[in-house]
Amino acid sequence: MTARAWALSGAGAALLLALALAGIAYGSTPLPLGAILRTLAGAAGLDVGQGLSGPAARIVLDLRLPRTVLAMSVGAGLAVVGALLQTTTRNDLADPFLFGLSSGAAAGAVSVITLFGDRLGVWTLPAAAFAGALLSALAVLVLLSREGGKAPERLVIAGLAVSFLFGALTTWLVFAGDQRAAYSVLFWTAGGLGLAGWSNLPLALFGAGLAIGTGIVFRHGLDALLGGEETAHSLGIDVARLRLSVFALSALATAALVALSGVIGFVGLMVPHLARALVGVRHGPLVAASALIGAILLLISDLASRVVLAPQELPVGIVTSALGAAFVLTLVLRR
């Protein structure tokens, strides 16, 4: 790594840590940072003085800390998935939600909220969203195989078709189910981190780890694909197999993430462009930079969603959508 890369990494890690602490400290009930640090140290087995106790300690350890970890995992995972999909589809506007993954997850979650109820306890909503996202990914792959081609434009068209299909299904479920659940449906489909808990965090960590691992394992093939399909073929890379493998693993990672966070858009679209501007297009540094910037972006968005209208909480997807709209407009005007 160059000196510039080390400097950027250090600055990014410091900013990530500062935002994580701010996310734990601020909210509807602000807490002193020093007491939070002593509480965290005490939970880690270090004796550094008296920390928070009672309800305040539970807010830190059982609510805000897992929420912060979830925000970092979702932000990092979605950003890396966006970078992978933009390369494999050769489409600068590709992101995890272009391919129907969010629509499938929304349909699964809404079916639980409006029709079936919590049959599996606290895991019912994440499990239904995960199943819906996987079903939408499978539908995209089936459409792609029946089209008889694996060109990137076919992948995009198949994803759009599945997205509209599951979007229509979600709307039907809202009208056919319990109308009193409309607020819950709106909050989930706009994205939120309220489901964060130590029991379900492994699912989010799995999704983020899978996305980052996919980028690392396939980085050489993706680098070759940047030069075009003919260049990749000349280097002995099976482009069709690479594209389908990356999409399938990205879909699985996205399903694990959105099962807990709901529909959080634009992270996978914005962050890869920012990361390329900082570290270039090679996928080793790009995956690391995308994960770091994605985690930072979602921490900022989550903090804003909790303090702008405190004590009322905004869906975090509203903040990321506003940032994404401004980013896309800037990108279009500059080009």
Protein backbone atom coordinates (compact mmCIF):
# COMPACT_ATOMS: atom_id res chain seq x y z
CA MET A 1 0.00 0.00 0.00
CA THR A 2 1.13 3.54 -0.74
CA ALA A 3 1.55 6.24 1.88
CA ARG A 4 -1.63 7.88 0.60
CA ALA A 5 -3.55 4.63 0.94
CA TRP A 6 -2.31 4.15 4.51
CA ALA A 7 -3.25 7.72 5.38
CA LEU A 8 -6.75 7.30 3.93
CA SER A 9 -7.20 3.99 5.75
CA GLY A 10 -6.13 5.50 9.07
CA ALA A 11 -8.39 8.51 8.64
CA GLY A 12 -11.32 6.29 7.64
CA ALA A 13 -10.83 3.95 10.61
CA ALA A 14 -10.64 6.91 13.01
CA LEU A 15 -13.81 8.42 11.54
CA LEU A 16 -15.57 5.05 11.75
CA LEU A 17 -14.67 4.71 15.44
CA ALA A 18 -15.79 8.26 16.21
CA LEU A 19 -19.12 7.74 14.45
CA ALA A 20 -19.66 4.41 16.21
CA LEU A 21 -19.18 6.08 19.59
CA ALA A 22 -21.45 8.96 18.55
CA GLY A 23 -24.12 6.46 17.49
CA ILE A 24 -23.98 4.87 20.94
CA ALA A 25 -23.95 8.19 22.79
CA TYR A 26 -26.64 10.14 20.95
CA GLY A 27 -30.31 9.41 20.41
CA SER A 28 -33.59 10.09 22.13
CA THR A 29 -31.67 9.75 25.43
CA PRO A 30 -28.17 11.27 25.17
CA LEU A 31 -25.54 9.60 27.37
CA PRO A 32 -22.10 10.85 28.51
CA LEU A 33 -19.25 9.49 26.39
CA GLY A 34 -16.93 8.83 29.32
CA ALA A 35 -19.50 6.68 31.10
CA ILE A 36 -20.16 4.81 27.85
CA LEU A 37 -16.45 4.01 27.44
CA ARG A 38 -16.25 2.74 31.03
CA THR A 39 -19.38 0.63 30.49
CA LEU A 40 -17.96 -0.92 27.33
CA ALA A 41 -14.65 -1.58 29.04
CA GLY A 42 -16.44 -3.19 31.98
CA ALA A 43 -18.42 -5.42 29.61
CA ALA A 44 -15.08 -6.49 28.10
CA GLY A 45 -13.77 -7.44 31.54
CA LEU A 46 -11.61 -4.35 32.17
CA ASP A 47 -11.81 -2.51 35.48
CA VAL A 48 -11.53 1.19 34.59
CA GLY A 49 -14.05 2.67 37.01
CA GLN A 50 -17.77 2.89 37.48
CA GLY A 51 -19.77 2.91 34.27
CA LEU A 52 -23.46 3.17 33.59
CA SER A 53 -25.91 0.95 35.44
CA GLY A 54 -29.55 0.00 35.28
CA PRO A 55 -31.61 1.10 32.25
CA ALA A 56 -28.80 3.31 30.90
CA ALA A 57 -26.42 0.35 30.74
CA ARG A 58 -29.06 -1.74 28.98
CA ILE A 59 -29.56 1.06 26.42
CA VAL A 60 -25.84 0.97 25.62
CA LEU A 61 -25.19 -2.78 25.67
CA ASP A 62 -28.49 -4.23 24.47
CA LEU A 63 -29.84 -1.55 22.12
CA ARG A 64 -27.33 0.93 20.73
CA LEU A 65 -24.22 -1.25 20.54
CA PRO A 66 -25.85 -4.04 18.48
CA ARG A 67 -27.56 -1.39 16.36
CA THR A 68 -24.19 0.21 15.64
CA VAL A 69 -22.69 -3.14 14.66
CA LEU A 70 -25.69 -3.83 12.41
CA ALA A 71 -25.32 -0.43 10.73
CA MET A 72 -21.65 -1.06 9.99
CA SER A 73 -22.33 -4.58 8.69
CA VAL A 74 -25.21 -3.53 6.43
CA GLY A 75 -23.40 -0.48 5.11
CA ALA A 76 -20.20 -2.38 4.37
CA GLY A 77 -22.00 -5.36 2.81
CA LEU A 78 -24.34 -3.38 0.55
CA ALA A 79 -21.48 -1.14 -0.62
CA VAL A 80 -19.30 -4.09 -1.60
CA VAL A 81 -22.21 -5.82 -3.35
CA GLY A 82 -22.82 -2.64 -5.33
CA ALA A 83 -19.17 -2.55 -6.43
CA LEU A 84 -19.31 -6.18 -7.55
CA LEU A 85 -22.55 -5.77 -9.48
CA GLN A 86 -21.40 -2.60 -11.21
CA THR A 87 -18.38 -4.47 -12.56
CA THR A 88 -20.18 -7.65 -13.59
CA THR A 89 -23.01 -5.78 -15.34
CA ARG A 90 -20.77 -2.98 -16.65
CA ASN A 91 -23.44 -0.57 -15.44
CA ASP A 92 -22.48 2.43 -13.29
CA LEU A 93 -26.00 2.61 -11.84
CA ALA A 94 -26.22 -1.02 -10.73
CA ASP A 95 -26.79 -1.69 -7.04
CA PRO A 96 -28.22 -4.55 -4.94
CA PHE A 97 -31.79 -3.31 -5.40
CA LEU A 98 -31.73 -3.12 -9.19
CA PHE A 99 -32.19 -6.89 -9.40
CA GLY A 100 -35.36 -7.38 -7.39
CA LEU A 101 -33.63 -8.39 -4.17
CA SER A 102 -35.20 -5.61 -2.11
CA SER A 103 -38.63 -6.22 -3.66
CA GLY A 104 -38.46 -9.90 -2.78
CA ALA A 105 -37.38 -9.16 0.78
CA ALA A 106 -40.15 -6.58 1.13
CA ALA A 107 -42.76 -9.04 -0.11
CA GLY A 108 -41.63 -11.65 2.40
CA ALA A 109 -41.64 -9.21 5.30
CA VAL A 110 -44.98 -7.65 4.37
CA SER A 111 -46.59 -11.09 4.14
CA VAL A 112 -45.65 -11.64 7.79
CA ILE A 113 -46.74 -8.17 8.93
CA THR A 114 -50.13 -8.20 7.19
CA LEU A 115 -51.14 -11.86 6.90
CA PHE A 116 -49.26 -14.57 8.79
CA GLY A 117 -48.04 -12.98 12.02
CA ASP A 118 -45.09 -13.95 14.19
CA ARG A 119 -45.25 -17.73 13.83
CA LEU A 120 -41.51 -18.10 14.56
CA GLY A 121 -41.18 -15.42 17.21
CA VAL A 122 -38.58 -12.69 16.73
CA TRP A 123 -37.04 -14.59 13.82
CA THR A 124 -40.25 -14.60 11.76
CA LEU A 125 -39.69 -11.25 10.02
CA PRO A 126 -35.99 -11.77 9.18
CA ALA A 127 -36.64 -15.32 7.99
CA ALA A 128 -39.50 -14.24 5.72
CA ALA A 129 -37.48 -11.35 4.27
CA PHE A 130 -34.49 -13.63 3.71
CA ALA A 131 -36.68 -16.20 1.94
CA GLY A 132 -38.28 -13.51 -0.23
CA ALA A 133 -34.92 -12.10 -1.30
CA LEU A 134 -33.61 -15.56 -2.17
CA LEU A 135 -36.78 -16.31 -4.13
CA SER A 136 -36.37 -13.12 -6.17
CA ALA A 137 -32.72 -13.95 -6.87
CA LEU A 138 -33.71 -17.44 -7.99
CA ALA A 139 -36.35 -15.95 -10.28
CA VAL A 140 -33.73 -13.69 -11.89
CA LEU A 141 -31.43 -16.65 -12.48
CA VAL A 142 -34.26 -18.72 -13.97
CA LEU A 143 -35.22 -15.90 -16.34
CA LEU A 144 -31.60 -15.46 -17.32
CA SER A 145 -31.16 -19.15 -18.10
CA ARG A 146 -34.35 -19.27 -20.18
CA GLU A 147 -33.20 -16.24 -22.17
CA GLY A 148 -30.31 -18.39 -23.33
CA GLY A 149 -27.71 -15.69 -22.70
CA LYS A 150 -25.68 -14.31 -19.88
CA ALA A 151 -24.92 -10.83 -21.17
CA PRO A 152 -25.05 -8.08 -18.53
CA GLU A 153 -27.97 -6.29 -20.15
CA ARG A 154 -30.06 -9.48 -19.88
CA LEU A 155 -29.22 -9.68 -16.20
CA VAL A 156 -30.42 -6.11 -15.66
CA ILE A 157 -33.65 -6.66 -17.62
CA ALA A 158 -34.41 -9.86 -15.71
CA GLY A 159 -33.78 -8.06 -12.42
CA LEU A 160 -36.09 -5.20 -13.33
CA ALA A 161 -38.85 -7.60 -14.33
CA VAL A 162 -38.61 -9.48 -11.03
CA SER A 163 -38.46 -6.19 -9.10
CA PHE A 164 -41.73 -4.98 -10.63
CA LEU A 165 -43.36 -8.37 -10.06
CA PHE A 166 -42.52 -8.51 -6.35
CA GLY A 167 -43.37 -4.83 -5.98
CA ALA A 168 -46.86 -5.55 -7.27
CA LEU A 169 -47.12 -8.52 -4.90
CA THR A 170 -46.13 -6.32 -1.95
CA THR A 171 -48.80 -3.76 -2.83
CA TRP A 172 -51.43 -6.50 -3.08
CA LEU A 173 -50.41 -7.88 0.32
CA VAL A 174 -50.79 -4.44 1.89
CA PHE A 175 -54.35 -4.06 0.59
CA ALA A 176 -55.36 -7.68 1.18
CA GLY A 177 -53.98 -7.96 4.72
CA ASP A 178 -54.48 -6.17 8.01
CA GLN A 179 -54.82 -2.46 7.28
CA ARG A 180 -53.74 -1.61 10.83
CA ALA A 181 -50.26 -2.86 9.96
CA ALA A 182 -49.76 -0.18 7.29
CA TYR A 183 -47.39 1.87 9.48
CA SER A 184 -45.19 -1.16 10.18
CA VAL A 185 -45.11 -1.94 6.47
CA LEU A 186 -44.11 1.62 5.62
CA PHE A 187 -41.36 1.72 8.23
CA TRP A 188 -39.87 -1.61 7.14
CA THR A 189 -39.98 -0.89 3.41
CA ALA A 190 -38.28 2.48 4.06
CA GLY A 191 -35.45 0.77 5.93
CA GLY A 192 -34.55 0.72 9.60
CA LEU A 193 -32.20 -0.86 12.11
CA GLY A 194 -34.69 -1.45 14.90
CA LEU A 195 -34.43 -5.24 14.64
CA ALA A 196 -30.80 -5.17 15.80
CA GLY A 197 -30.07 -7.58 18.62
CA TRP A 198 -27.26 -9.87 19.68
CA SER A 199 -29.33 -12.90 18.68
CA ASN A 200 -29.66 -11.94 15.00
CA LEU A 201 -26.39 -10.05 14.42
CA PRO A 202 -24.64 -13.21 13.14
CA LEU A 203 -26.93 -13.09 10.08
CA ALA A 204 -25.79 -9.54 9.24
CA LEU A 205 -22.14 -10.38 9.88
CA PHE A 206 -22.52 -13.40 7.61
CA GLY A 207 -23.93 -11.21 4.83
CA ALA A 208 -21.17 -8.60 5.12
CA GLY A 209 -18.47 -11.27 5.35
CA LEU A 210 -19.83 -13.10 2.33
CA ALA A 211 -19.89 -9.92 0.24
CA ILE A 212 -16.33 -8.97 1.20
CA GLY A 213 -15.11 -12.54 0.75
CA THR A 214 -16.67 -12.73 -2.72
CA GLY A 215 -14.89 -9.54 -3.74
CA ILE A 216 -11.55 -10.84 -2.47
CA VAL A 217 -11.82 -14.32 -4.00
CA PHE A 218 -12.93 -13.07 -7.44
CA ARG A 219 -10.85 -9.88 -7.49
CA HIS A 220 -8.50 -11.01 -10.27
CA GLY A 221 -11.31 -12.08 -12.57
CA LEU A 222 -13.19 -8.86 -11.90
CA ASP A 223 -10.06 -6.83 -12.63
CA ALA A 224 -9.74 -8.62 -15.96
CA LEU A 225 -13.41 -7.95 -16.73
CA LEU A 226 -12.74 -4.22 -16.46
CA GLY A 227 -10.87 -4.49 -19.77
CA GLY A 228 -13.87 -6.05 -21.51
CA GLU A 229 -15.13 -9.58 -22.05
CA GLU A 230 -12.67 -10.31 -24.84
CA THR A 231 -9.75 -9.36 -22.63
CA ALA A 232 -11.07 -11.53 -19.81
CA HIS A 233 -11.56 -14.47 -22.19
CA SER A 234 -8.02 -14.07 -23.47
CA LEU A 235 -6.79 -14.41 -19.89
CA GLY A 236 -8.62 -17.72 -19.50
CA ILE A 237 -11.58 -16.47 -17.49
CA ASP A 238 -15.04 -17.95 -17.99
CA VAL A 239 -16.95 -14.67 -17.99
CA ALA A 240 -20.43 -16.22 -17.88
CA ARG A 241 -19.52 -18.40 -14.92
CA LEU A 242 -17.84 -15.48 -13.16
CA ARG A 243 -20.87 -13.25 -13.65
CA LEU A 244 -23.36 -15.83 -12.40
CA SER A 245 -21.19 -16.81 -9.42
CA VAL A 246 -20.73 -13.22 -8.31
CA PHE A 247 -24.43 -12.47 -8.75
CA ALA A 248 -25.56 -15.56 -6.83
CA LEU A 249 -23.21 -14.88 -3.90
CA SER A 250 -24.09 -11.18 -3.93
CA ALA A 251 -27.78 -12.05 -3.84
CA LEU A 252 -27.25 -14.34 -0.84
CA ALA A 253 -25.28 -11.64 0.97
CA THR A 254 -27.91 -8.99 0.21
CA ALA A 255 -30.68 -11.30 1.41
CA ALA A 256 -28.95 -11.75 4.77
CA LEU A 257 -28.49 -7.98 5.15
CA VAL A 258 -31.91 -6.70 4.10
CA ALA A 259 -33.60 -9.39 6.19
CA LEU A 260 -32.63 -7.28 9.23
CA SER A 261 -32.40 -3.76 7.85
CA GLY A 262 -35.29 -3.57 5.42
CA VAL A 263 -34.99 -1.72 2.15
CA ILE A 264 -32.04 0.70 2.41
CA GLY A 265 -31.34 2.04 -1.05
CA PHE A 266 -28.54 3.93 -2.77
CA VAL A 267 -25.70 2.75 -0.49
CA GLY A 268 -24.59 0.20 -3.08
CA LEU A 269 -24.87 2.79 -5.83
CA MET A 270 -23.06 5.74 -4.23
CA VAL A 271 -20.22 4.18 -2.29
CA PRO A 272 -18.39 2.31 -5.11
CA HIS A 273 -18.08 5.57 -7.07
CA LEU A 274 -16.63 7.33 -4.03
CA ALA A 275 -14.25 4.44 -3.38
CA ARG A 276 -13.00 4.38 -6.99
CA ALA A 277 -12.26 8.08 -6.79
CA LEU A 278 -10.05 7.42 -3.75
CA VAL A 279 -8.30 4.09 -4.48
CA GLY A 280 -8.84 3.35 -8.17
CA VAL A 281 -10.65 0.51 -9.91
CA ARG A 282 -8.70 -2.60 -8.87
CA HIS A 283 -10.93 -4.76 -6.74
CA GLY A 284 -8.55 -5.51 -3.87
CA PRO A 285 -8.36 -1.92 -2.61
CA LEU A 286 -11.85 -1.19 -3.97
CA VAL A 287 -13.53 -3.84 -1.81
CA ALA A 288 -11.76 -2.61 1.34
CA ALA A 289 -12.51 1.05 0.62
CA SER A 290 -16.15 0.33 -0.27
CA ALA A 291 -16.67 -1.61 2.97
CA LEU A 292 -15.15 1.20 5.05
CA ILE A 293 -17.03 4.03 3.33
CA GLY A 294 -20.29 2.06 3.34
CA ALA A 295 -20.05 1.49 7.09
CA ILE A 296 -19.31 5.19 7.64
CA LEU A 297 -22.19 6.30 5.42
CA LEU A 298 -24.77 4.14 7.16
CA LEU A 299 -23.56 5.19 10.62
CA ILE A 300 -24.01 8.83 9.59
CA SER A 301 -27.46 8.09 8.14
CA ASP A 302 -28.58 6.16 11.21
CA LEU A 303 -27.38 8.89 13.54
CA ALA A 304 -29.22 11.51 11.50
CA SER A 305 -32.40 9.42 11.45
CA ARG A 306 -32.42 9.32 15.26
CA VAL A 307 -31.57 12.93 16.09
CA VAL A 308 -33.29 14.98 13.38
CA LEU A 309 -36.79 14.49 14.82
CA ALA A 310 -35.85 13.13 18.25
CA PRO A 311 -37.46 11.47 20.10
CA GLN A 312 -39.24 10.29 16.94
CA GLU A 313 -37.11 8.08 14.68
CA LEU A 314 -37.03 8.38 10.90
CA PRO A 315 -36.55 5.32 8.69
CA VAL A 316 -32.87 5.32 7.80
CA GLY A 317 -33.73 4.61 4.16
CA ILE A 318 -35.17 8.12 3.89
CA VAL A 319 -31.76 9.61 4.73
CA THR A 320 -29.84 7.35 2.34
CA SER A 321 -32.38 8.01 -0.43
CA ALA A 322 -31.99 11.77 -0.01
CA LEU A 323 -28.21 11.46 -0.13
CA GLY A 324 -28.43 9.10 -3.09
CA ALA A 325 -30.70 11.42 -5.07
CA ALA A 326 -28.28 14.30 -4.55
CA PHE A 327 -25.36 12.07 -5.53
CA VAL A 328 -27.01 10.85 -8.75
CA LEU A 329 -27.96 14.39 -9.76
CA THR A 330 -24.39 15.53 -9.16
CA LEU A 331 -23.05 12.59 -11.15
CA VAL A 332 -25.34 13.29 -14.08
CA LEU A 333 -24.65 17.04 -14.14
CA ARG A 334 -20.88 16.54 -13.98
CA ARG A 335 -20.99 14.17 -16.94
